[in-house]
Amino acid sequence: MENYKTIKSPNFTHNKDIKKWLKLVISGIMAGISISIGAVAFIFMKSTSGFLNTSFTAALLFPIGIFLTCYFGLDLYTGKIGYLIEKENLNKEYALRVLVITLANLVGTIFFGYLMHFMFKDKLDSLYALKAIGETRVLDSSAWSFPRVFISSMFGCAFVHVSVELFKRIKSDFGKIVALWLPVTAFVYFGFDHSIANMFYFAFLGDLSGMRWVYVLVNIVGNAAGGILTHLLIMFVAPRKKEEVVEPKEELINKEELVVPEEEPISKEEVVLLEEPINKEDSDHK
C-alpha cells in the first residue's frame, strides 16, 4: 500500500488573509457608526432649546464617537492617516489598509445616517443644527471656497490626531478620557471639518448628491494633510520615549523565563568513570 504525505492546503494562508481584511472592514464600519453616534448626539443637543443646550455643551457630546473608537480599538481614517509617514508604515499594505478603512468608515456613516433619516424624517425641519450644516458645508464658485474647506479639514484632523496620540501616550484612564474629550470638543466647537462626520450629516439629510461627495473628498485630502503634518510636528518637538512604545502582546515575554540555568562542569573523575569499560565478569555474573 502506497504511503501518502499530508500536504497543507495552500488556501490556509489565503483564508487567513481574507479573515484579516474582513475584520478590518467590519472594524471600519463600526468606527463609522461610532462617529455617527457622537454626531447625532451633537445634532440633537444643539437643536434643542434650553439654558444648557449651547454650542459648547453640544460639542461635549461629539467625542463619544472618538471614545468608542479608541476604547474598542476600531479603525478610523482620521486616527490612522497621520501615522502613514512612520517608517514601519511606509509600504503599500498600510496605504491599502487606510483606503479600506476610509471606505468602510463611509459605509458605516451612510448606513447609520440614512437609518436616522428614516427614523426622524418628521423632525428634520426642527433640527436646525443639521440644516445649518447642510447649508454651510458646500463648495461654491468663490475662489476662497476650496482653500477654506481644505484648511478647515486640516485643522479637524489635527485635533483628532493630537487626541489619539495623547491617548496612546498617557497611561492613566482618566488622562486618556481627558485627552480624547478636550481636543475633539474643541474642533467640533470651532466648526472644523471631519470627513467621516460630514458624510453622516449628509446621509442624515438624505442628500448624497455629487457636490456632497466632492465636499467629502476635499475633506479626506485635507484631513490627510492635517494629520500627517501634525504627526511630523509632534515627532519633531516631542518624540516618543522608549517606555512609551508598547510592544505587541506576542513579544511581552518574561525575560527571566528565557534564562537557561548553566550546567555544572563535569569533573575529571566523572569523565573517567563514564569512559571506563564494563567488566566482563560482572556482566556474566549478572
Protein backbone atom coordinates (compact mmCIF):
# COMPACT_ATOMS: atom_id res chain seq x y z
CA MET A 1 0.00 0.00 0.00
CA GLU A 2 1.42 3.37 -1.02
CA ASN A 3 2.15 5.97 1.61
CA TYR A 4 0.79 9.45 1.04
CA LYS A 5 2.27 12.56 2.62
CA THR A 6 -0.05 15.05 4.27
CA ILE A 7 0.22 18.36 2.47
CA LYS A 8 -1.23 21.55 3.96
CA SER A 9 -3.72 23.29 1.74
CA PRO A 10 -2.35 26.45 0.06
CA ASN A 11 -5.72 28.08 0.79
CA PHE A 12 -4.88 28.20 4.52
CA THR A 13 -2.87 31.42 4.32
CA HIS A 14 -5.28 32.78 1.73
CA ASN A 15 -8.22 32.25 4.07
CA LYS A 16 -6.24 33.83 6.90
CA ASP A 17 -5.66 36.96 4.80
CA ILE A 18 -9.35 37.14 3.90
CA LYS A 19 -10.24 36.96 7.59
CA LYS A 20 -7.78 39.75 8.39
CA TRP A 21 -9.19 42.09 5.74
CA LEU A 22 -12.77 41.19 6.62
CA LYS A 23 -12.05 42.06 10.24
CA LEU A 24 -10.60 45.40 9.09
CA VAL A 25 -13.73 46.18 7.06
CA ILE A 26 -16.05 45.37 9.97
CA SER A 27 -13.89 47.44 12.33
CA GLY A 28 -14.02 50.37 9.90
CA ILE A 29 -17.80 50.16 9.56
CA MET A 30 -18.19 50.06 13.34
CA ALA A 31 -15.89 53.09 13.65
CA GLY A 32 -18.07 54.98 11.18
CA ILE A 33 -21.16 54.09 13.20
CA SER A 34 -19.41 55.17 16.41
CA ILE A 35 -18.61 58.59 14.95
CA SER A 36 -22.22 58.82 13.79
CA ILE A 37 -23.47 58.18 17.33
CA GLY A 38 -21.46 61.13 18.64
CA ALA A 39 -22.56 63.27 15.70
CA VAL A 40 -26.27 62.56 16.18
CA ALA A 41 -25.96 63.38 19.88
CA PHE A 42 -24.32 66.68 18.92
CA ILE A 43 -27.11 67.49 16.43
CA PHE A 44 -29.96 66.81 18.84
CA MET A 45 -28.33 68.68 21.73
CA LYS A 46 -27.57 71.74 19.61
CA SER A 47 -31.07 71.74 18.04
CA THR A 48 -32.85 71.64 21.40
CA SER A 49 -33.69 74.92 23.05
CA GLY A 50 -32.71 75.35 26.67
CA PHE A 51 -30.37 77.12 29.04
CA LEU A 52 -27.72 74.38 28.94
CA ASN A 53 -28.19 73.48 25.28
CA THR A 54 -25.43 75.63 23.83
CA SER A 55 -22.91 75.01 21.09
CA PHE A 56 -20.30 74.13 23.72
CA THR A 57 -22.42 71.60 25.59
CA ALA A 58 -23.42 70.04 22.27
CA ALA A 59 -19.76 69.79 21.28
CA LEU A 60 -19.07 67.94 24.53
CA LEU A 61 -21.20 65.04 23.28
CA PHE A 62 -19.47 64.53 19.94
CA PRO A 63 -16.32 62.88 21.44
CA ILE A 64 -18.47 59.88 22.43
CA GLY A 65 -17.72 58.51 18.96
CA ILE A 66 -13.95 59.00 19.27
CA PHE A 67 -14.01 57.47 22.74
CA LEU A 68 -15.83 54.35 21.46
CA THR A 69 -13.38 54.09 18.58
CA CYS A 70 -10.26 54.26 20.76
CA TYR A 71 -11.63 52.18 23.64
CA PHE A 72 -12.63 49.25 21.41
CA GLY A 73 -9.62 49.63 19.10
CA LEU A 74 -11.70 50.37 16.00
CA ASP A 75 -10.13 51.67 12.80
CA LEU A 76 -10.91 55.30 11.98
CA TYR A 77 -9.47 57.13 8.98
CA THR A 78 -8.60 60.34 10.82
CA GLY A 79 -6.93 58.32 13.58
CA LYS A 80 -4.76 56.32 11.14
CA ILE A 81 -3.78 58.64 8.31
CA GLY A 82 -1.28 60.66 10.36
CA TYR A 83 0.81 57.55 11.03
CA LEU A 84 1.26 56.88 7.31
CA ILE A 85 4.68 58.55 7.37
CA GLU A 86 6.14 56.38 10.13
CA LYS A 87 8.99 54.17 8.99
CA GLU A 88 7.21 50.88 9.54
CA ASN A 89 4.12 52.15 7.69
CA LEU A 90 5.83 53.36 4.51
CA ASN A 91 4.57 50.46 2.44
CA LYS A 92 1.73 49.58 0.09
CA GLU A 93 -0.07 47.41 2.65
CA TYR A 94 -0.58 50.25 5.15
CA ALA A 95 -1.74 52.59 2.38
CA LEU A 96 -4.20 49.93 1.24
CA ARG A 97 -5.37 49.46 4.82
CA VAL A 98 -6.05 53.19 5.14
CA LEU A 99 -8.01 53.13 1.88
CA VAL A 100 -10.12 50.17 3.06
CA ILE A 101 -10.68 51.87 6.43
CA THR A 102 -11.83 55.07 4.73
CA LEU A 103 -14.34 53.27 2.52
CA ALA A 104 -15.59 51.19 5.46
CA ASN A 105 -15.98 54.33 7.60
CA LEU A 106 -18.07 55.95 4.87
CA VAL A 107 -20.23 52.84 4.54
CA GLY A 108 -20.87 52.88 8.30
CA THR A 109 -21.80 56.57 8.34
CA ILE A 110 -24.05 56.29 5.28
CA PHE A 111 -25.86 53.32 6.77
CA PHE A 112 -26.39 54.99 10.15
CA GLY A 113 -27.16 58.36 8.58
CA TYR A 114 -29.96 57.03 6.41
CA LEU A 115 -31.23 55.00 9.35
CA MET A 116 -31.55 58.24 11.34
CA HIS A 117 -33.06 59.95 8.30
CA PHE A 118 -35.93 57.46 8.13
CA MET A 119 -36.40 57.34 11.90
CA PHE A 120 -36.60 61.12 12.34
CA LYS A 121 -37.91 62.13 8.94
CA ASP A 122 -40.76 64.09 10.51
CA LYS A 123 -38.37 66.02 12.77
CA LEU A 124 -35.77 67.06 10.19
CA ASP A 125 -37.21 70.55 9.90
CA SER A 126 -36.84 71.10 13.64
CA LEU A 127 -33.18 70.01 13.64
CA TYR A 128 -31.85 73.43 12.75
CA ALA A 129 -28.25 72.42 13.58
CA LEU A 130 -28.40 69.75 10.89
CA LYS A 131 -29.96 72.15 8.42
CA ALA A 132 -27.26 74.71 9.14
CA ILE A 133 -24.57 72.12 8.38
CA GLY A 134 -26.29 71.21 5.14
CA GLU A 135 -26.46 74.86 4.07
CA THR A 136 -22.94 75.92 5.02
CA ARG A 137 -20.85 72.86 4.18
CA VAL A 138 -20.88 73.24 0.42
CA LEU A 139 -18.36 74.28 -2.18
CA ASP A 140 -19.38 77.42 -4.04
CA SER A 141 -17.88 79.22 -7.02
CA SER A 142 -15.84 81.67 -4.98
CA ALA A 143 -12.05 81.48 -5.03
CA TRP A 144 -11.87 81.16 -1.24
CA SER A 145 -14.28 78.19 -1.02
CA PHE A 146 -11.85 75.34 -1.74
CA PRO A 147 -8.96 76.67 0.41
CA ARG A 148 -11.38 77.35 3.27
CA VAL A 149 -12.73 73.79 3.28
CA PHE A 150 -9.24 72.32 2.83
CA ILE A 151 -7.75 74.28 5.74
CA SER A 152 -10.79 73.52 7.91
CA SER A 153 -10.28 69.82 7.17
CA MET A 154 -6.58 70.08 8.08
CA PHE A 155 -7.43 71.54 11.48
CA GLY A 156 -10.17 68.97 12.03
CA CYS A 157 -7.80 66.03 11.63
CA ALA A 158 -5.02 67.83 13.50
CA PHE A 159 -7.16 67.96 16.64
CA VAL A 160 -8.19 64.32 16.25
CA HIS A 161 -4.58 63.19 15.74
CA VAL A 162 -3.46 65.05 18.85
CA SER A 163 -6.17 63.34 20.88
CA VAL A 164 -5.26 59.89 19.54
CA GLU A 165 -1.54 60.44 20.15
CA LEU A 166 -2.20 61.60 23.71
CA PHE A 167 -4.47 58.59 24.24
CA LYS A 168 -1.55 56.33 23.28
CA ARG A 169 1.00 58.11 25.48
CA ILE A 170 -0.97 58.78 28.65
CA LYS A 171 -1.15 55.78 30.98
CA SER A 172 -3.96 56.71 33.39
CA ASP A 173 -7.55 56.03 32.40
CA PHE A 174 -8.72 59.47 33.48
CA GLY A 175 -5.94 61.10 31.50
CA LYS A 176 -6.91 59.12 28.39
CA ILE A 177 -10.52 60.29 28.69
CA VAL A 178 -9.47 63.93 29.05
CA ALA A 179 -7.04 63.56 26.13
CA LEU A 180 -9.85 62.37 23.90
CA TRP A 181 -12.53 64.75 25.08
CA LEU A 182 -10.85 68.15 25.09
CA PRO A 183 -9.23 68.31 21.61
CA VAL A 184 -12.25 66.74 19.88
CA THR A 185 -14.67 69.04 21.71
CA ALA A 186 -12.55 71.99 20.59
CA PHE A 187 -12.55 71.11 16.90
CA VAL A 188 -16.32 70.49 16.90
CA TYR A 189 -16.96 73.77 18.73
CA PHE A 190 -14.81 75.67 16.24
CA GLY A 191 -16.70 74.07 13.34
CA PHE A 192 -13.77 72.36 11.63
CA ASP A 193 -14.44 69.67 9.04
CA HIS A 194 -14.24 65.93 9.65
CA SER A 195 -14.72 63.83 6.52
CA ILE A 196 -16.40 60.85 8.23
CA ALA A 197 -18.72 63.00 10.35
CA ASN A 198 -19.70 65.12 7.33
CA MET A 199 -20.70 62.03 5.40
CA PHE A 200 -23.02 61.13 8.27
CA TYR A 201 -24.55 64.61 8.28
CA PHE A 202 -25.22 64.45 4.54
CA ALA A 203 -26.74 60.97 4.82
CA PHE A 204 -28.87 62.17 7.76
CA LEU A 205 -30.15 64.94 5.48
CA GLY A 206 -30.85 62.35 2.80
CA ASP A 207 -28.62 64.25 0.38
CA LEU A 208 -25.70 62.39 -1.17
CA SER A 209 -25.54 64.36 -4.39
CA GLY A 210 -22.37 64.73 -6.42
CA MET A 211 -21.46 68.03 -4.77
CA ARG A 212 -21.66 66.39 -1.35
CA TRP A 213 -19.22 63.70 -2.47
CA VAL A 214 -16.86 66.35 -3.82
CA TYR A 215 -17.01 68.16 -0.48
CA VAL A 216 -16.20 64.96 1.43
CA LEU A 217 -13.35 64.20 -0.99
CA VAL A 218 -11.83 67.60 -0.23
CA ASN A 219 -12.29 66.78 3.48
CA ILE A 220 -10.45 63.47 3.05
CA VAL A 221 -7.47 65.12 1.33
CA GLY A 222 -7.41 67.96 3.85
CA ASN A 223 -7.67 65.52 6.77
CA ALA A 224 -4.69 63.60 5.37
CA ALA A 225 -2.58 66.76 5.06
CA GLY A 226 -3.51 67.91 8.56
CA GLY A 227 -2.93 64.53 10.20
CA ILE A 228 0.45 63.95 8.55
CA LEU A 229 1.69 67.50 9.22
CA THR A 230 0.59 67.30 12.84
CA HIS A 231 2.36 63.98 13.34
CA LEU A 232 5.56 65.39 11.85
CA LEU A 233 5.45 68.36 14.22
CA ILE A 234 4.73 66.15 17.25
CA MET A 235 7.58 63.76 16.43
CA PHE A 236 9.94 66.70 15.91
CA VAL A 237 9.05 68.57 19.09
CA ALA A 238 8.17 65.67 21.42
CA PRO A 239 9.31 62.30 20.06
CA ARG A 240 8.13 59.22 21.89
CA LYS A 241 10.27 57.83 24.67
CA LYS A 242 11.23 54.18 24.65
CA GLU A 243 9.00 53.35 27.58
CA GLU A 244 6.03 54.92 25.76
CA VAL A 245 6.25 52.43 22.90
CA VAL A 246 4.00 49.49 23.74
CA GLU A 247 5.24 46.18 22.40
CA PRO A 248 2.84 43.69 20.85
CA LYS A 249 1.38 41.13 23.22
CA GLU A 250 3.18 38.29 21.45
CA GLU A 251 6.53 39.84 22.40
CA LEU A 252 5.71 40.54 26.03
CA ILE A 253 7.55 37.52 27.40
CA ASN A 254 9.17 37.47 30.79
CA LYS A 255 12.88 37.58 30.12
CA GLU A 256 13.60 35.69 33.34
CA GLU A 257 11.74 32.69 31.96
CA LEU A 258 14.10 32.62 29.00
CA VAL A 259 17.21 32.33 31.17
CA VAL A 260 18.56 28.78 30.97
CA PRO A 261 20.47 27.71 34.10
CA GLU A 262 24.10 26.89 33.43
CA GLU A 263 25.07 23.24 33.87
CA GLU A 264 27.82 22.44 36.35
CA PRO A 265 31.04 21.32 34.66
CA ILE A 266 31.77 17.59 34.82
CA SER A 267 34.83 16.67 36.91
CA LYS A 268 37.67 14.55 35.55
CA GLU A 269 36.79 11.65 37.89
CA GLU A 270 33.26 11.54 36.49
CA VAL A 271 34.65 11.54 32.97
CA VAL A 272 36.92 8.56 33.80
CA LEU A 273 34.00 6.64 35.31
CA LEU A 274 31.90 7.28 32.23
CA GLU A 275 34.62 6.17 29.86
CA GLU A 276 35.65 3.06 31.88
CA PRO A 277 34.53 -0.18 30.10
CA ILE A 278 32.27 -2.62 31.87
CA ASN A 279 33.99 -5.63 33.45
CA LYS A 280 33.10 -8.86 31.59
CA GLU A 281 32.99 -10.96 34.78
CA ASP A 282 30.49 -8.56 36.32
CA SER A 283 28.39 -8.74 33.18
CA ASP A 284 28.48 -12.60 33.18
CA HIS A 285 27.63 -12.72 36.83
CA LYS A 286 24.64 -10.56 36.16
